[in-house]
Amino acid sequence: MVETSKRVQEHYSSVDLADRIIGLTGVSRDALTVAALEPFDHMHLRGSKASREMVEALAPGADWHVVDVGAGICGPARMAVAATGCQVTALDLSDDFCACATELNRLVGLQDRIAVRQGDALAMPFADATFDGAITHHAAMNISDKAALYREIARVLKPGGRFVLYDVMRGPGEEPYYPVPWATTSEISFLATPEDVRGHLAAAGFAERDWQSLRQETLDWMAAVKAAREAAAAAGDGTAPANTGSVLMGASGPEKIRNVARNLGQDRITVVMGIFEKDA
């Protein structure tokens, strides 16, 4: 398990990430805003649209304390705080992501509302029943023990606490193509089927409130993004949209994105958003 965690951290290693993102925004450090970061802030499929759906599904009050498990660089956390005034604790395994998130939160003035912690989702450094709500987005794919993950999320939630997940899961087709954004090979990719995930959540004490398969919506979104990039490139006006994914994935990015589309199109993977409540 320690070796797997090390490989996951290495996969997401990205030094000076905050500086590179800020440079691409075209905004000075002292003028940076949450809005300026939006094109770079949401590394998951369907981008900021999916983040807004997560925040709306969680529906946190201004007095809520939310944990974002596998928070990345805190894009959804910043969106949640800006939209609702809630407090967020953001947990991520990657030291580089935590450093980037901390710096971006400071620059947009949200350092007092978002606390960034480096740590393992299977052994979170929080007391029982600490949080009113929890979210996780495209994090479980790198965690092999899904049952332990959902038990740990249940542990840190208060009774009746709400949990929103947004994850890539195993489809009914053949094994996925690699590389993909979350894994260069299958060594650190641990996709579970939707049926297995629902079973683990029920066993952890969660009641299902909503479950949406978003495979087709994701394919449509990917096609629209591709078309927009191609149109901008053809126009030659330098307006092709950038995103954090390209900053992180570098030269292998296009192949990884193509493989995600192939995997979705061939039912090798799917994308799901679910809403759950911890038993009271």
C-alpha atoms as a PDB file:
ATOM      1  CA  MET A   1       0.000   0.000   0.000  1.00  0.00           C
ATOM      2  CA  VAL A   2       2.867   2.393   0.823  1.00  0.00           C
ATOM      3  CA  GLU A   3       4.482   1.645  -2.531  1.00  0.00           C
ATOM      4  CA  THR A   4       1.184   2.264  -4.349  1.00  0.00           C
ATOM      5  CA  SER A   5       0.739   5.605  -2.570  1.00  0.00           C
ATOM      6  CA  LYS A   6       4.261   6.572  -3.601  1.00  0.00           C
ATOM      7  CA  ARG A   7       3.533   5.729  -7.242  1.00  0.00           C
ATOM      8  CA  VAL A   8       0.309   7.758  -7.136  1.00  0.00           C
ATOM      9  CA  GLN A   9       2.186  10.758  -5.725  1.00  0.00           C
ATOM     10  CA  GLU A  10       4.813  10.411  -8.445  1.00  0.00           C
ATOM     11  CA  HIS A  11       2.105  10.267 -11.119  1.00  0.00           C
ATOM     12  CA  TYR A  12       0.698  13.614  -9.977  1.00  0.00           C
ATOM     13  CA  SER A  13       4.053  15.276  -9.327  1.00  0.00           C
ATOM     14  CA  SER A  14       4.071  18.771 -10.803  1.00  0.00           C
ATOM     15  CA  VAL A  15       6.483  21.322  -9.373  1.00  0.00           C
ATOM     16  CA  ASP A  16       5.820  25.055  -9.575  1.00  0.00           C
ATOM     17  CA  LEU A  17       2.250  24.309 -10.643  1.00  0.00           C
ATOM     18  CA  ALA A  18       0.760  27.465  -9.113  1.00  0.00           C
ATOM     19  CA  ASP A  19       3.249  29.695 -10.923  1.00  0.00           C
ATOM     20  CA  ARG A  20       2.541  28.015 -14.257  1.00  0.00           C
ATOM     21  CA  ILE A  21      -1.230  28.296 -13.834  1.00  0.00           C
ATOM     22  CA  ILE A  22      -1.022  31.952 -12.819  1.00  0.00           C
ATOM     23  CA  GLY A  23       1.138  32.659 -15.842  1.00  0.00           C
ATOM     24  CA  LEU A  24      -1.444  31.129 -18.158  1.00  0.00           C
ATOM     25  CA  THR A  25      -4.326  33.149 -16.682  1.00  0.00           C
ATOM     26  CA  GLY A  26      -2.797  36.374 -17.959  1.00  0.00           C
ATOM     27  CA  VAL A  27      -3.643  37.973 -14.603  1.00  0.00           C
ATOM     28  CA  SER A  28      -1.089  39.336 -12.145  1.00  0.00           C
ATOM     29  CA  ARG A  29      -0.706  37.568  -8.794  1.00  0.00           C
ATOM     30  CA  ASP A  30      -2.187  40.496  -6.873  1.00  0.00           C
ATOM     31  CA  ALA A  31      -5.254  40.607  -9.143  1.00  0.00           C
ATOM     32  CA  LEU A  32      -6.004  36.870  -9.234  1.00  0.00           C
ATOM     33  CA  THR A  33      -9.646  35.829  -8.721  1.00  0.00           C
ATOM     34  CA  VAL A  34     -11.599  32.573  -8.526  1.00  0.00           C
ATOM     35  CA  ALA A  35     -13.147  33.451 -11.890  1.00  0.00           C
ATOM     36  CA  ALA A  36      -9.723  33.870 -13.513  1.00  0.00           C
ATOM     37  CA  LEU A  37      -8.740  30.396 -12.316  1.00  0.00           C
ATOM     38  CA  GLU A  38     -11.867  28.659 -13.613  1.00  0.00           C
ATOM     39  CA  PRO A  39     -10.405  27.421 -16.938  1.00  0.00           C
ATOM     40  CA  PHE A  40      -7.594  25.724 -14.989  1.00  0.00           C
ATOM     41  CA  ASP A  41      -9.339  24.793 -11.766  1.00  0.00           C
ATOM     42  CA  HIS A  42     -11.433  21.728 -12.601  1.00  0.00           C
ATOM     43  CA  MET A  43      -9.331  18.782 -13.674  1.00  0.00           C
ATOM     44  CA  HIS A  44     -12.162  16.280 -13.814  1.00  0.00           C
ATOM     45  CA  LEU A  45     -14.339  15.379 -16.785  1.00  0.00           C
ATOM     46  CA  ARG A  46     -16.997  17.963 -17.678  1.00  0.00           C
ATOM     47  CA  GLY A  47     -14.906  20.619 -15.938  1.00  0.00           C
ATOM     48  CA  SER A  48     -16.552  23.479 -14.070  1.00  0.00           C
ATOM     49  CA  LYS A  49     -20.028  22.296 -15.082  1.00  0.00           C
ATOM     50  CA  ALA A  50     -19.498  19.133 -13.051  1.00  0.00           C
ATOM     51  CA  SER A  51     -18.134  21.160 -10.132  1.00  0.00           C
ATOM     52  CA  ARG A  52     -21.233  23.353 -10.103  1.00  0.00           C
ATOM     53  CA  GLU A  53     -23.415  20.245 -10.123  1.00  0.00           C
ATOM     54  CA  MET A  54     -21.480  18.844  -7.160  1.00  0.00           C
ATOM     55  CA  VAL A  55     -21.861  22.047  -5.163  1.00  0.00           C
ATOM     56  CA  GLU A  56     -25.569  22.224  -5.983  1.00  0.00           C
ATOM     57  CA  ALA A  57     -26.037  18.572  -5.017  1.00  0.00           C
ATOM     58  CA  LEU A  58     -24.203  19.033  -1.723  1.00  0.00           C
ATOM     59  CA  ALA A  59     -26.104  22.290  -1.050  1.00  0.00           C
ATOM     60  CA  PRO A  60     -23.944  23.326   1.907  1.00  0.00           C
ATOM     61  CA  GLY A  61     -25.091  26.032   4.265  1.00  0.00           C
ATOM     62  CA  ALA A  62     -22.825  28.916   5.214  1.00  0.00           C
ATOM     63  CA  ASP A  63     -22.301  27.241   8.599  1.00  0.00           C
ATOM     64  CA  TRP A  64     -21.228  23.901   7.115  1.00  0.00           C
ATOM     65  CA  HIS A  65     -17.776  22.389   7.374  1.00  0.00           C
ATOM     66  CA  VAL A  66     -17.103  20.269   4.276  1.00  0.00           C
ATOM     67  CA  VAL A  67     -14.273  17.831   3.583  1.00  0.00           C
ATOM     68  CA  ASP A  68     -13.051  17.490  -0.004  1.00  0.00           C
ATOM     69  CA  VAL A  69     -11.373  14.083  -0.231  1.00  0.00           C
ATOM     70  CA  GLY A  70      -8.801  14.077  -3.016  1.00  0.00           C
ATOM     71  CA  ALA A  71      -9.166  17.811  -3.486  1.00  0.00           C
ATOM     72  CA  GLY A  72      -6.460  18.322  -6.098  1.00  0.00           C
ATOM     73  CA  ILE A  73      -5.708  22.030  -6.428  1.00  0.00           C
ATOM     74  CA  CYS A  74      -9.009  22.987  -4.725  1.00  0.00           C
ATOM     75  CA  GLY A  75     -11.052  24.158  -7.719  1.00  0.00           C
ATOM     76  CA  PRO A  76     -14.373  22.712  -6.465  1.00  0.00           C
ATOM     77  CA  ALA A  77     -13.523  23.808  -2.915  1.00  0.00           C
ATOM     78  CA  ARG A  78     -13.005  27.408  -4.045  1.00  0.00           C
ATOM     79  CA  MET A  79     -16.225  27.260  -6.030  1.00  0.00           C
ATOM     80  CA  ALA A  80     -18.156  25.947  -3.010  1.00  0.00           C
ATOM     81  CA  VAL A  81     -16.777  28.601  -0.670  1.00  0.00           C
ATOM     82  CA  ALA A  82     -17.351  31.427  -3.152  1.00  0.00           C
ATOM     83  CA  ALA A  83     -20.919  30.283  -3.824  1.00  0.00           C
ATOM     84  CA  THR A  84     -22.095  29.392  -0.320  1.00  0.00           C
ATOM     85  CA  GLY A  85     -19.663  30.756   2.269  1.00  0.00           C
ATOM     86  CA  CYS A  86     -19.079  27.313   3.768  1.00  0.00           C
ATOM     87  CA  GLN A  87     -15.768  26.213   5.269  1.00  0.00           C
ATOM     88  CA  VAL A  88     -13.777  23.479   3.491  1.00  0.00           C
ATOM     89  CA  THR A  89     -10.962  21.225   4.575  1.00  0.00           C
ATOM     90  CA  ALA A  90      -9.197  19.936   1.473  1.00  0.00           C
ATOM     91  CA  LEU A  91      -7.296  16.654   1.736  1.00  0.00           C
ATOM     92  CA  ASP A  92      -4.939  15.374  -0.953  1.00  0.00           C
ATOM     93  CA  LEU A  93      -2.152  12.816  -1.158  1.00  0.00           C
ATOM     94  CA  SER A  94      -0.009  14.931  -3.501  1.00  0.00           C
ATOM     95  CA  ASP A  95       2.401  17.364  -1.866  1.00  0.00           C
ATOM     96  CA  ASP A  96       2.598  19.338  -5.116  1.00  0.00           C
ATOM     97  CA  PHE A  97      -1.173  19.699  -5.352  1.00  0.00           C
ATOM     98  CA  CYS A  98      -1.349  20.797  -1.708  1.00  0.00           C
ATOM     99  CA  ALA A  99       1.345  23.421  -2.259  1.00  0.00           C
ATOM    100  CA  CYS A 100      -0.415  24.721  -5.362  1.00  0.00           C
ATOM    101  CA  ALA A 101      -3.822  24.787  -3.652  1.00  0.00           C
ATOM    102  CA  THR A 102      -2.456  26.634  -0.621  1.00  0.00           C
ATOM    103  CA  GLU A 103      -0.863  29.326  -2.775  1.00  0.00           C
ATOM    104  CA  LEU A 104      -3.907  29.819  -5.007  1.00  0.00           C
ATOM    105  CA  ASN A 105      -6.235  29.983  -1.994  1.00  0.00           C
ATOM    106  CA  ARG A 106      -4.011  32.670  -0.464  1.00  0.00           C
ATOM    107  CA  LEU A 107      -3.891  34.732  -3.625  1.00  0.00           C
ATOM    108  CA  VAL A 108      -7.693  34.775  -4.037  1.00  0.00           C
ATOM    109  CA  GLY A 109      -8.229  35.533  -0.348  1.00  0.00           C
ATOM    110  CA  LEU A 110      -9.804  32.219   0.686  1.00  0.00           C
ATOM    111  CA  GLN A 111      -7.038  30.939   2.947  1.00  0.00           C
ATOM    112  CA  ASP A 112      -9.226  31.519   6.013  1.00  0.00           C
ATOM    113  CA  ARG A 113     -12.100  29.450   4.564  1.00  0.00           C
ATOM    114  CA  ILE A 114     -10.129  26.548   3.048  1.00  0.00           C
ATOM    115  CA  ALA A 115      -7.650  24.519   5.083  1.00  0.00           C
ATOM    116  CA  VAL A 116      -5.371  22.307   2.975  1.00  0.00           C
ATOM    117  CA  ARG A 117      -4.072  19.057   4.482  1.00  0.00           C
ATOM    118  CA  GLN A 118      -1.753  16.503   2.940  1.00  0.00           C
ATOM    119  CA  GLY A 119      -2.863  13.010   3.831  1.00  0.00           C
ATOM    120  CA  ASP A 120      -4.229   9.595   2.961  1.00  0.00           C
ATOM    121  CA  ALA A 121      -7.952   9.217   2.289  1.00  0.00           C
ATOM    122  CA  LEU A 122      -7.844   5.798   3.987  1.00  0.00           C
ATOM    123  CA  ALA A 123      -6.522   7.279   7.247  1.00  0.00           C
ATOM    124  CA  MET A 124      -7.789  10.840   7.402  1.00  0.00           C
ATOM    125  CA  PRO A 125      -6.302  12.987  10.191  1.00  0.00           C
ATOM    126  CA  PHE A 126      -9.705  14.070  11.484  1.00  0.00           C
ATOM    127  CA  ALA A 127     -11.849  13.118  14.459  1.00  0.00           C
ATOM    128  CA  ASP A 128     -15.074  11.172  14.109  1.00  0.00           C
ATOM    129  CA  ALA A 129     -18.181  13.155  13.120  1.00  0.00           C
ATOM    130  CA  THR A 130     -16.250  16.323  12.224  1.00  0.00           C
ATOM    131  CA  PHE A 131     -17.903  17.350   8.951  1.00  0.00           C
ATOM    132  CA  ASP A 132     -21.389  18.291   7.775  1.00  0.00           C
ATOM    133  CA  GLY A 133     -20.697  17.234   4.197  1.00  0.00           C
ATOM    134  CA  ALA A 134     -18.136  15.537   1.970  1.00  0.00           C
ATOM    135  CA  ILE A 135     -17.266  15.482  -1.708  1.00  0.00           C
ATOM    136  CA  THR A 136     -14.873  13.446  -3.799  1.00  0.00           C
ATOM    137  CA  HIS A 137     -14.175  13.976  -7.480  1.00  0.00           C
ATOM    138  CA  HIS A 138     -12.084  11.685  -9.658  1.00  0.00           C
ATOM    139  CA  ALA A 139     -10.075  10.494  -6.666  1.00  0.00           C
ATOM    140  CA  ALA A 140     -11.342   6.962  -6.005  1.00  0.00           C
ATOM    141  CA  MET A 141      -9.834   5.665  -9.267  1.00  0.00           C
ATOM    142  CA  ASN A 142      -6.413   5.661  -7.559  1.00  0.00           C
ATOM    143  CA  ILE A 143      -7.637   3.959  -4.367  1.00  0.00           C
ATOM    144  CA  SER A 144      -7.801   0.169  -4.384  1.00  0.00           C
ATOM    145  CA  ASP A 145      -9.750  -0.364  -1.149  1.00  0.00           C
ATOM    146  CA  LYS A 146     -13.081   1.298  -1.932  1.00  0.00           C
ATOM    147  CA  ALA A 147     -14.773  -0.253   1.100  1.00  0.00           C
ATOM    148  CA  ALA A 148     -12.205   1.343   3.416  1.00  0.00           C
ATOM    149  CA  LEU A 149     -12.488   4.678   1.593  1.00  0.00           C
ATOM    150  CA  TYR A 150     -16.236   4.940   2.088  1.00  0.00           C
ATOM    151  CA  ARG A 151     -16.028   3.718   5.694  1.00  0.00           C
ATOM    152  CA  GLU A 152     -13.492   6.461   6.380  1.00  0.00           C
ATOM    153  CA  ILE A 153     -15.672   9.134   4.776  1.00  0.00           C
ATOM    154  CA  ALA A 154     -18.612   7.903   6.851  1.00  0.00           C
ATOM    155  CA  ARG A 155     -16.469   8.030   9.988  1.00  0.00           C
ATOM    156  CA  VAL A 156     -15.586  11.717   9.628  1.00  0.00           C
ATOM    157  CA  LEU A 157     -19.143  12.763   8.685  1.00  0.00           C
ATOM    158  CA  LYS A 158     -21.711  13.751  11.268  1.00  0.00           C
ATOM    159  CA  PRO A 159     -24.866  11.608  11.462  1.00  0.00           C
ATOM    160  CA  GLY A 160     -27.104  12.652   8.582  1.00  0.00           C
ATOM    161  CA  GLY A 161     -24.141  14.226   6.772  1.00  0.00           C
ATOM    162  CA  ARG A 162     -24.310  14.466   2.990  1.00  0.00           C
ATOM    163  CA  PHE A 163     -21.777  12.924   0.603  1.00  0.00           C
ATOM    164  CA  VAL A 164     -21.480  13.664  -3.123  1.00  0.00           C
ATOM    165  CA  LEU A 165     -19.203  11.568  -5.300  1.00  0.00           C
ATOM    166  CA  TYR A 166     -18.212  12.186  -8.903  1.00  0.00           C
ATOM    167  CA  ASP A 167     -16.023   9.423 -10.235  1.00  0.00           C
ATOM    168  CA  VAL A 168     -14.912   7.373 -13.179  1.00  0.00           C
ATOM    169  CA  MET A 169     -15.964   3.736 -12.784  1.00  0.00           C
ATOM    170  CA  ARG A 170     -15.523   0.458 -14.607  1.00  0.00           C
ATOM    171  CA  GLY A 171     -17.825  -0.073 -17.560  1.00  0.00           C
ATOM    172  CA  PRO A 172     -19.193  -3.384 -18.888  1.00  0.00           C
ATOM    173  CA  GLY A 173     -16.736  -3.444 -21.797  1.00  0.00           C
ATOM    174  CA  GLU A 174     -13.185  -4.732 -21.976  1.00  0.00           C
ATOM    175  CA  GLU A 175     -10.214  -3.449 -19.960  1.00  0.00           C
ATOM    176  CA  PRO A 176      -9.555   0.294 -20.420  1.00  0.00           C
ATOM    177  CA  TYR A 177      -6.915   1.663 -22.726  1.00  0.00           C
ATOM    178  CA  TYR A 178      -3.931   3.350 -21.077  1.00  0.00           C
ATOM    179  CA  PRO A 179      -2.488   5.875 -20.499  1.00  0.00           C
ATOM    180  CA  VAL A 180      -5.332   7.966 -19.053  1.00  0.00           C
ATOM    181  CA  PRO A 181      -5.174  11.131 -16.933  1.00  0.00           C
ATOM    182  CA  TRP A 182      -5.231   9.242 -13.624  1.00  0.00           C
ATOM    183  CA  ALA A 183      -2.816   6.450 -14.570  1.00  0.00           C
ATOM    184  CA  THR A 184      -0.107   5.757 -17.111  1.00  0.00           C
ATOM    185  CA  THR A 185      -0.658   2.005 -16.687  1.00  0.00           C
ATOM    186  CA  SER A 186      -3.136  -0.192 -14.840  1.00  0.00           C
ATOM    187  CA  GLU A 187      -0.762  -0.383 -11.837  1.00  0.00           C
ATOM    188  CA  ILE A 188      -2.347   2.616 -10.096  1.00  0.00           C
ATOM    189  CA  SER A 189      -5.806   2.445 -11.675  1.00  0.00           C
ATOM    190  CA  PHE A 190      -8.404   0.788  -9.474  1.00  0.00           C
ATOM    191  CA  LEU A 191     -11.755   1.199 -11.192  1.00  0.00           C
ATOM    192  CA  ALA A 192     -14.762  -0.410  -9.520  1.00  0.00           C
ATOM    193  CA  THR A 193     -18.110  -1.125 -11.126  1.00  0.00           C
ATOM    194  CA  PRO A 194     -21.076   1.063 -10.177  1.00  0.00           C
ATOM    195  CA  GLU A 195     -22.687  -1.984  -8.568  1.00  0.00           C
ATOM    196  CA  ASP A 196     -19.661  -2.601  -6.353  1.00  0.00           C
ATOM    197  CA  VAL A 197     -19.441   1.071  -5.367  1.00  0.00           C
ATOM    198  CA  ARG A 198     -23.090   1.177  -4.360  1.00  0.00           C
ATOM    199  CA  GLY A 199     -22.614  -1.966  -2.306  1.00  0.00           C
ATOM    200  CA  HIS A 200     -19.617  -0.515  -0.472  1.00  0.00           C
ATOM    201  CA  LEU A 201     -21.504   2.711   0.242  1.00  0.00           C
ATOM    202  CA  ALA A 202     -24.500   0.858   1.656  1.00  0.00           C
ATOM    203  CA  ALA A 203     -22.206  -1.266   3.828  1.00  0.00           C
ATOM    204  CA  ALA A 204     -20.538   1.911   5.129  1.00  0.00           C
ATOM    205  CA  GLY A 205     -23.899   3.242   6.318  1.00  0.00           C
ATOM    206  CA  PHE A 206     -24.887   5.536   3.460  1.00  0.00           C
ATOM    207  CA  ALA A 207     -28.415   5.893   2.098  1.00  0.00           C
ATOM    208  CA  GLU A 208     -28.585   6.646  -1.614  1.00  0.00           C
ATOM    209  CA  ARG A 209     -30.503   9.795  -2.560  1.00  0.00           C
ATOM    210  CA  ASP A 210     -29.580  10.079  -6.251  1.00  0.00           C
ATOM    211  CA  TRP A 211     -27.437   8.264  -8.826  1.00  0.00           C
ATOM    212  CA  GLN A 212     -26.730   9.504 -12.333  1.00  0.00           C
ATOM    213  CA  SER A 213     -24.788   7.809 -15.102  1.00  0.00           C
ATOM    214  CA  LEU A 214     -23.169  10.620 -17.085  1.00  0.00           C
ATOM    215  CA  ARG A 215     -21.353   8.646 -19.764  1.00  0.00           C
ATOM    216  CA  GLN A 216     -23.161  10.211 -22.737  1.00  0.00           C
ATOM    217  CA  GLU A 217     -23.056  13.698 -21.234  1.00  0.00           C
ATOM    218  CA  THR A 218     -19.308  13.295 -20.806  1.00  0.00           C
ATOM    219  CA  LEU A 219     -18.834  12.132 -24.391  1.00  0.00           C
ATOM    220  CA  ASP A 220     -20.858  15.119 -25.607  1.00  0.00           C
ATOM    221  CA  TRP A 221     -18.783  17.493 -23.464  1.00  0.00           C
ATOM    222  CA  MET A 222     -15.517  16.041 -24.747  1.00  0.00           C
ATOM    223  CA  ALA A 223     -16.707  16.395 -28.337  1.00  0.00           C
ATOM    224  CA  ALA A 224     -17.700  20.025 -27.730  1.00  0.00           C
ATOM    225  CA  VAL A 225     -14.328  20.855 -26.147  1.00  0.00           C
ATOM    226  CA  LYS A 226     -12.492  19.208 -29.040  1.00  0.00           C
ATOM    227  CA  ALA A 227     -14.587  21.107 -31.593  1.00  0.00           C
ATOM    228  CA  ALA A 228     -13.945  24.420 -29.818  1.00  0.00           C
ATOM    229  CA  ARG A 229     -10.195  23.810 -29.786  1.00  0.00           C
ATOM    230  CA  GLU A 230     -10.136  22.821 -33.451  1.00  0.00           C
ATOM    231  CA  ALA A 231     -12.183  25.872 -34.439  1.00  0.00           C
ATOM    232  CA  ALA A 232      -9.915  28.194 -32.475  1.00  0.00           C
ATOM    233  CA  ALA A 233      -6.808  26.587 -33.941  1.00  0.00           C
ATOM    234  CA  ALA A 234      -8.217  26.908 -37.456  1.00  0.00           C
ATOM    235  CA  ALA A 235      -9.024  30.569 -36.847  1.00  0.00           C
ATOM    236  CA  GLY A 236      -5.421  31.144 -35.820  1.00  0.00           C
ATOM    237  CA  ASP A 237      -6.391  33.861 -33.368  1.00  0.00           C
ATOM    238  CA  GLY A 238      -4.758  32.339 -30.303  1.00  0.00           C
ATOM    239  CA  THR A 239      -8.041  31.803 -28.473  1.00  0.00           C
ATOM    240  CA  ALA A 240      -7.826  28.012 -28.092  1.00  0.00           C
ATOM    241  CA  PRO A 241      -8.945  27.299 -24.501  1.00  0.00           C
ATOM    242  CA  ALA A 242      -6.332  26.087 -22.042  1.00  0.00           C
ATOM    243  CA  ASN A 243      -6.883  23.870 -19.031  1.00  0.00           C
ATOM    244  CA  THR A 244      -5.027  22.564 -16.019  1.00  0.00           C
ATOM    245  CA  GLY A 245      -5.063  19.070 -17.476  1.00  0.00           C
ATOM    246  CA  SER A 246      -2.726  20.164 -20.251  1.00  0.00           C
ATOM    247  CA  VAL A 247      -0.423  21.790 -17.698  1.00  0.00           C
ATOM    248  CA  LEU A 248      -0.267  18.562 -15.693  1.00  0.00           C
ATOM    249  CA  MET A 249      -0.164  15.960 -18.451  1.00  0.00           C
ATOM    250  CA  GLY A 250       2.314  17.655 -20.743  1.00  0.00           C
ATOM    251  CA  ALA A 251       3.225  15.881 -23.970  1.00  0.00           C
ATOM    252  CA  SER A 252       1.196  12.774 -23.101  1.00  0.00           C
ATOM    253  CA  GLY A 253      -1.998  14.777 -22.556  1.00  0.00           C
ATOM    254  CA  PRO A 254      -3.541  14.364 -26.017  1.00  0.00           C
ATOM    255  CA  GLU A 255      -3.095  10.576 -25.941  1.00  0.00           C
ATOM    256  CA  LYS A 256      -4.602  10.356 -22.452  1.00  0.00           C
ATOM    257  CA  ILE A 257      -7.629  12.394 -23.474  1.00  0.00           C
ATOM    258  CA  ARG A 258      -8.101  10.329 -26.631  1.00  0.00           C
ATOM    259  CA  ASN A 259      -8.040   7.167 -24.549  1.00  0.00           C
ATOM    260  CA  VAL A 260     -10.685   8.525 -22.179  1.00  0.00           C
ATOM    261  CA  ALA A 261     -12.955   9.167 -25.164  1.00  0.00           C
ATOM    262  CA  ARG A 262     -12.233   5.697 -26.586  1.00  0.00           C
ATOM    263  CA  ASN A 263     -12.882   4.067 -23.220  1.00  0.00           C
ATOM    264  CA  LEU A 264     -16.180   5.898 -22.801  1.00  0.00           C
ATOM    265  CA  GLY A 265     -17.253   5.202 -26.363  1.00  0.00           C
ATOM    266  CA  GLN A 266     -16.578   1.484 -25.977  1.00  0.00           C
ATOM    267  CA  ASP A 267     -18.175   1.176 -22.511  1.00  0.00           C
ATOM    268  CA  ARG A 268     -14.832   0.369 -20.921  1.00  0.00           C
ATOM    269  CA  ILE A 269     -15.439   3.131 -18.359  1.00  0.00           C
ATOM    270  CA  THR A 270     -18.353   5.253 -17.232  1.00  0.00           C
ATOM    271  CA  VAL A 271     -18.818   8.456 -15.220  1.00  0.00           C
ATOM    272  CA  VAL A 272     -21.170   8.658 -12.257  1.00  0.00           C
ATOM    273  CA  MET A 273     -22.423  11.298  -9.823  1.00  0.00           C
ATOM    274  CA  GLY A 274     -24.123  10.070  -6.671  1.00  0.00           C
ATOM    275  CA  ILE A 275     -25.679  11.752  -3.636  1.00  0.00           C
ATOM    276  CA  PHE A 276     -25.738   9.935  -0.294  1.00  0.00           C
ATOM    277  CA  GLU A 277     -26.560  10.612   3.340  1.00  0.00           C
ATOM    278  CA  LYS A 278     -24.919   9.003   6.322  1.00  0.00           C
ATOM    279  CA  ASP A 279     -27.368   7.155   8.516  1.00  0.00           C
ATOM    280  CA  ALA A 280     -28.511   9.327  11.405  1.00  0.00           C
END
